[in-house]
Amino acid sequence: MPTCNIDQQGKTIRFVLGALVEAVGLLLGVLWFLDWVPSWVIWPAVGVWIVGISLLVQALLGWCAARAIGIDTPR
C-alpha cells in the first residue's frame, strides 16, 4: 500500500482535476458512440478516461505517482 505523500490541498486538486478529465473522456466517448466524431477519437478518449481514473485514485489514496518517483511537485 502506498504511503500518503500529499496533503489535503493536493488531494482536493487531484480530485477536482480527475473529475474534470474524467468528464472530458466520457464526453468524447459519448460523442464517438453517437457517431458525431471520427472513429479514431475513441482511442484518445480511452487514454483521457484512464488518466482521470488515475487522478481520482491518487486523490483517494493521498498518493502522487510523480512525487513517488522523485519529481518535486507542489502539494
N, C-alpha and C. Protein backbone atom coordinates (compact mmCIF):
# COMPACT_ATOMS: atom_id res chain seq x y z
N MET A 1 0.85 -1.18 0.00
CA MET A 1 0.00 0.00 0.00
C MET A 1 0.89 1.24 0.00
N PRO A 2 0.65 2.17 -0.96
CA PRO A 2 1.46 3.38 -0.99
C PRO A 2 1.21 4.26 0.24
N THR A 3 2.28 4.92 0.69
CA THR A 3 2.12 5.81 1.83
C THR A 3 1.71 7.20 1.33
N CYS A 4 1.00 7.92 2.16
CA CYS A 4 0.49 9.24 1.82
C CYS A 4 1.66 10.20 1.62
N ASN A 5 1.71 10.85 0.45
CA ASN A 5 2.79 11.80 0.21
C ASN A 5 2.27 13.17 -0.26
N ILE A 6 0.97 13.42 -0.11
CA ILE A 6 0.40 14.73 -0.43
C ILE A 6 -0.55 15.15 0.69
N ASP A 7 -0.74 16.45 0.82
CA ASP A 7 -1.61 16.95 1.87
C ASP A 7 -3.06 17.08 1.36
N GLN A 8 -3.93 17.62 2.18
CA GLN A 8 -5.35 17.73 1.84
C GLN A 8 -5.56 18.60 0.60
N GLN A 9 -4.79 19.67 0.47
CA GLN A 9 -4.93 20.53 -0.70
C GLN A 9 -4.57 19.76 -1.97
N GLY A 10 -3.52 18.97 -1.92
CA GLY A 10 -3.12 18.15 -3.06
C GLY A 10 -4.18 17.12 -3.42
N LYS A 11 -4.79 16.53 -2.40
CA LYS A 11 -5.87 15.57 -2.66
C LYS A 11 -7.05 16.25 -3.34
N THR A 12 -7.40 17.44 -2.85
CA THR A 12 -8.54 18.17 -3.43
C THR A 12 -8.27 18.55 -4.87
N ILE A 13 -7.06 19.05 -5.14
CA ILE A 13 -6.70 19.44 -6.51
C ILE A 13 -6.76 18.23 -7.44
N ARG A 14 -6.22 17.11 -7.00
CA ARG A 14 -6.23 15.90 -7.84
C ARG A 14 -7.64 15.38 -8.03
N PHE A 15 -8.48 15.50 -7.02
CA PHE A 15 -9.85 15.03 -7.16
C PHE A 15 -10.63 15.88 -8.17
N VAL A 16 -10.52 17.19 -8.04
CA VAL A 16 -11.23 18.09 -8.96
C VAL A 16 -10.71 17.92 -10.38
N LEU A 17 -9.38 17.89 -10.53
CA LEU A 17 -8.79 17.71 -11.85
C LEU A 17 -9.17 16.35 -12.43
N GLY A 18 -9.17 15.32 -11.60
CA GLY A 18 -9.57 13.98 -12.06
C GLY A 18 -11.01 13.94 -12.52
N ALA A 19 -11.89 14.62 -11.79
CA ALA A 19 -13.30 14.65 -12.19
C ALA A 19 -13.47 15.37 -13.52
N LEU A 20 -12.74 16.47 -13.72
CA LEU A 20 -12.83 17.20 -14.98
C LEU A 20 -12.28 16.38 -16.15
N VAL A 21 -11.14 15.75 -15.94
CA VAL A 21 -10.54 14.93 -17.00
C VAL A 21 -11.44 13.74 -17.31
N GLU A 22 -12.00 13.15 -16.27
CA GLU A 22 -12.93 12.03 -16.44
C GLU A 22 -14.15 12.45 -17.26
N ALA A 23 -14.67 13.63 -16.99
CA ALA A 23 -15.83 14.14 -17.73
C ALA A 23 -15.50 14.33 -19.21
N VAL A 24 -14.30 14.85 -19.49
CA VAL A 24 -13.90 15.04 -20.88
C VAL A 24 -13.78 13.69 -21.59
N GLY A 25 -13.17 12.71 -20.92
CA GLY A 25 -13.06 11.37 -21.51
C GLY A 25 -14.41 10.75 -21.78
N LEU A 26 -15.33 10.88 -20.84
CA LEU A 26 -16.67 10.33 -21.03
C LEU A 26 -17.42 11.07 -22.13
N LEU A 27 -17.25 12.40 -22.20
CA LEU A 27 -17.89 13.17 -23.26
C LEU A 27 -17.39 12.73 -24.63
N LEU A 28 -16.08 12.56 -24.76
CA LEU A 28 -15.54 12.08 -26.03
C LEU A 28 -16.08 10.69 -26.38
N GLY A 29 -16.20 9.84 -25.38
CA GLY A 29 -16.76 8.51 -25.61
C GLY A 29 -18.21 8.56 -26.06
N VAL A 30 -18.98 9.44 -25.47
CA VAL A 30 -20.39 9.58 -25.87
C VAL A 30 -20.48 10.13 -27.29
N LEU A 31 -19.65 11.13 -27.59
CA LEU A 31 -19.66 11.69 -28.95
C LEU A 31 -19.26 10.63 -29.98
N TRP A 32 -18.31 9.78 -29.63
CA TRP A 32 -17.94 8.68 -30.51
C TRP A 32 -19.10 7.70 -30.68
N PHE A 33 -19.74 7.36 -29.57
CA PHE A 33 -20.86 6.42 -29.61
C PHE A 33 -21.99 6.94 -30.49
N LEU A 34 -22.25 8.24 -30.42
CA LEU A 34 -23.31 8.84 -31.24
C LEU A 34 -22.86 9.08 -32.67
N ASP A 35 -21.61 8.75 -32.98
CA ASP A 35 -21.03 8.90 -34.31
C ASP A 35 -20.98 10.36 -34.75
N TRP A 36 -20.70 11.25 -33.81
CA TRP A 36 -20.58 12.68 -34.09
C TRP A 36 -19.13 13.08 -34.32
N VAL A 37 -18.21 12.19 -34.03
CA VAL A 37 -16.78 12.43 -34.23
C VAL A 37 -16.20 11.25 -35.00
N PRO A 38 -15.02 11.42 -35.60
CA PRO A 38 -14.41 10.29 -36.33
C PRO A 38 -14.15 9.08 -35.43
N SER A 39 -14.06 7.93 -36.05
CA SER A 39 -13.93 6.69 -35.28
C SER A 39 -12.63 6.62 -34.47
N TRP A 40 -11.56 7.28 -34.91
CA TRP A 40 -10.30 7.20 -34.19
C TRP A 40 -10.33 7.93 -32.86
N VAL A 41 -11.35 8.75 -32.60
CA VAL A 41 -11.43 9.54 -31.36
C VAL A 41 -11.61 8.66 -30.13
N ILE A 42 -12.03 7.43 -30.32
CA ILE A 42 -12.24 6.56 -29.16
C ILE A 42 -10.92 6.29 -28.43
N TRP A 43 -9.79 6.22 -29.15
CA TRP A 43 -8.51 5.91 -28.50
C TRP A 43 -8.03 7.05 -27.61
N PRO A 44 -8.04 8.30 -28.07
CA PRO A 44 -7.71 9.38 -27.12
C PRO A 44 -8.71 9.46 -25.97
N ALA A 45 -9.98 9.15 -26.24
CA ALA A 45 -11.00 9.18 -25.19
C ALA A 45 -10.67 8.15 -24.10
N VAL A 46 -10.27 6.98 -24.51
CA VAL A 46 -9.90 5.93 -23.54
C VAL A 46 -8.68 6.38 -22.73
N GLY A 47 -7.69 6.97 -23.41
CA GLY A 47 -6.50 7.45 -22.71
C GLY A 47 -6.83 8.53 -21.69
N VAL A 48 -7.67 9.48 -22.08
CA VAL A 48 -8.08 10.55 -21.17
C VAL A 48 -8.85 9.97 -20.00
N TRP A 49 -9.73 9.02 -20.26
CA TRP A 49 -10.51 8.38 -19.21
C TRP A 49 -9.60 7.67 -18.20
N ILE A 50 -8.57 6.98 -18.70
CA ILE A 50 -7.64 6.28 -17.81
C ILE A 50 -6.86 7.27 -16.94
N VAL A 51 -6.45 8.39 -17.52
CA VAL A 51 -5.75 9.42 -16.75
C VAL A 51 -6.67 9.97 -15.66
N GLY A 52 -7.94 10.18 -15.99
CA GLY A 52 -8.91 10.66 -15.00
C GLY A 52 -9.08 9.69 -13.85
N ILE A 53 -9.19 8.41 -14.17
CA ILE A 53 -9.29 7.38 -13.13
C ILE A 53 -8.04 7.39 -12.25
N SER A 54 -6.88 7.52 -12.88
CA SER A 54 -5.62 7.56 -12.13
C SER A 54 -5.59 8.74 -11.16
N LEU A 55 -6.01 9.90 -11.61
CA LEU A 55 -6.04 11.08 -10.73
C LEU A 55 -7.01 10.88 -9.57
N LEU A 56 -8.16 10.29 -9.84
CA LEU A 56 -9.14 10.05 -8.78
C LEU A 56 -8.60 9.06 -7.75
N VAL A 57 -7.92 8.02 -8.21
CA VAL A 57 -7.34 7.04 -7.29
C VAL A 57 -6.25 7.69 -6.44
N GLN A 58 -5.41 8.52 -7.08
CA GLN A 58 -4.37 9.22 -6.33
C GLN A 58 -4.98 10.13 -5.26
N ALA A 59 -6.08 10.79 -5.61
CA ALA A 59 -6.74 11.67 -4.63
C ALA A 59 -7.29 10.86 -3.47
N LEU A 60 -7.90 9.73 -3.75
CA LEU A 60 -8.48 8.92 -2.69
C LEU A 60 -7.41 8.29 -1.79
N LEU A 61 -6.27 7.91 -2.39
CA LEU A 61 -5.20 7.30 -1.59
C LEU A 61 -4.29 8.32 -0.93
N GLY A 62 -4.32 9.57 -1.42
CA GLY A 62 -3.41 10.58 -0.89
C GLY A 62 -1.98 10.33 -1.33
N TRP A 63 -1.84 9.75 -2.51
CA TRP A 63 -0.54 9.34 -3.01
C TRP A 63 -0.36 9.87 -4.42
N CYS A 64 0.74 10.55 -4.69
CA CYS A 64 1.03 11.11 -6.00
C CYS A 64 2.13 10.28 -6.66
N ALA A 65 1.85 9.75 -7.84
CA ALA A 65 2.83 8.91 -8.55
C ALA A 65 4.07 9.72 -8.92
N ALA A 66 3.88 10.96 -9.36
CA ALA A 66 5.03 11.79 -9.75
C ALA A 66 5.95 12.04 -8.55
N ARG A 67 5.37 12.32 -7.39
CA ARG A 67 6.18 12.55 -6.18
C ARG A 67 6.89 11.26 -5.76
N ALA A 68 6.23 10.12 -5.99
CA ALA A 68 6.80 8.84 -5.58
C ALA A 68 8.06 8.50 -6.38
N ILE A 69 8.18 8.99 -7.63
CA ILE A 69 9.37 8.69 -8.42
C ILE A 69 10.41 9.80 -8.34
N GLY A 70 10.16 10.81 -7.48
CA GLY A 70 11.17 11.81 -7.21
C GLY A 70 10.96 13.16 -7.89
N ILE A 71 9.88 13.35 -8.61
CA ILE A 71 9.60 14.64 -9.23
C ILE A 71 9.04 15.57 -8.16
N ASP A 72 9.66 16.73 -8.01
CA ASP A 72 9.22 17.67 -6.98
C ASP A 72 8.01 18.45 -7.49
N THR A 73 6.84 18.13 -6.99
CA THR A 73 5.60 18.80 -7.39
C THR A 73 5.07 19.61 -6.21
N PRO A 74 4.38 20.73 -6.50
CA PRO A 74 3.74 21.43 -5.39
C PRO A 74 2.63 20.56 -4.82
N ARG A 75 2.46 20.61 -3.53
CA ARG A 75 1.42 19.80 -2.90
C ARG A 75 0.09 20.35 -3.28
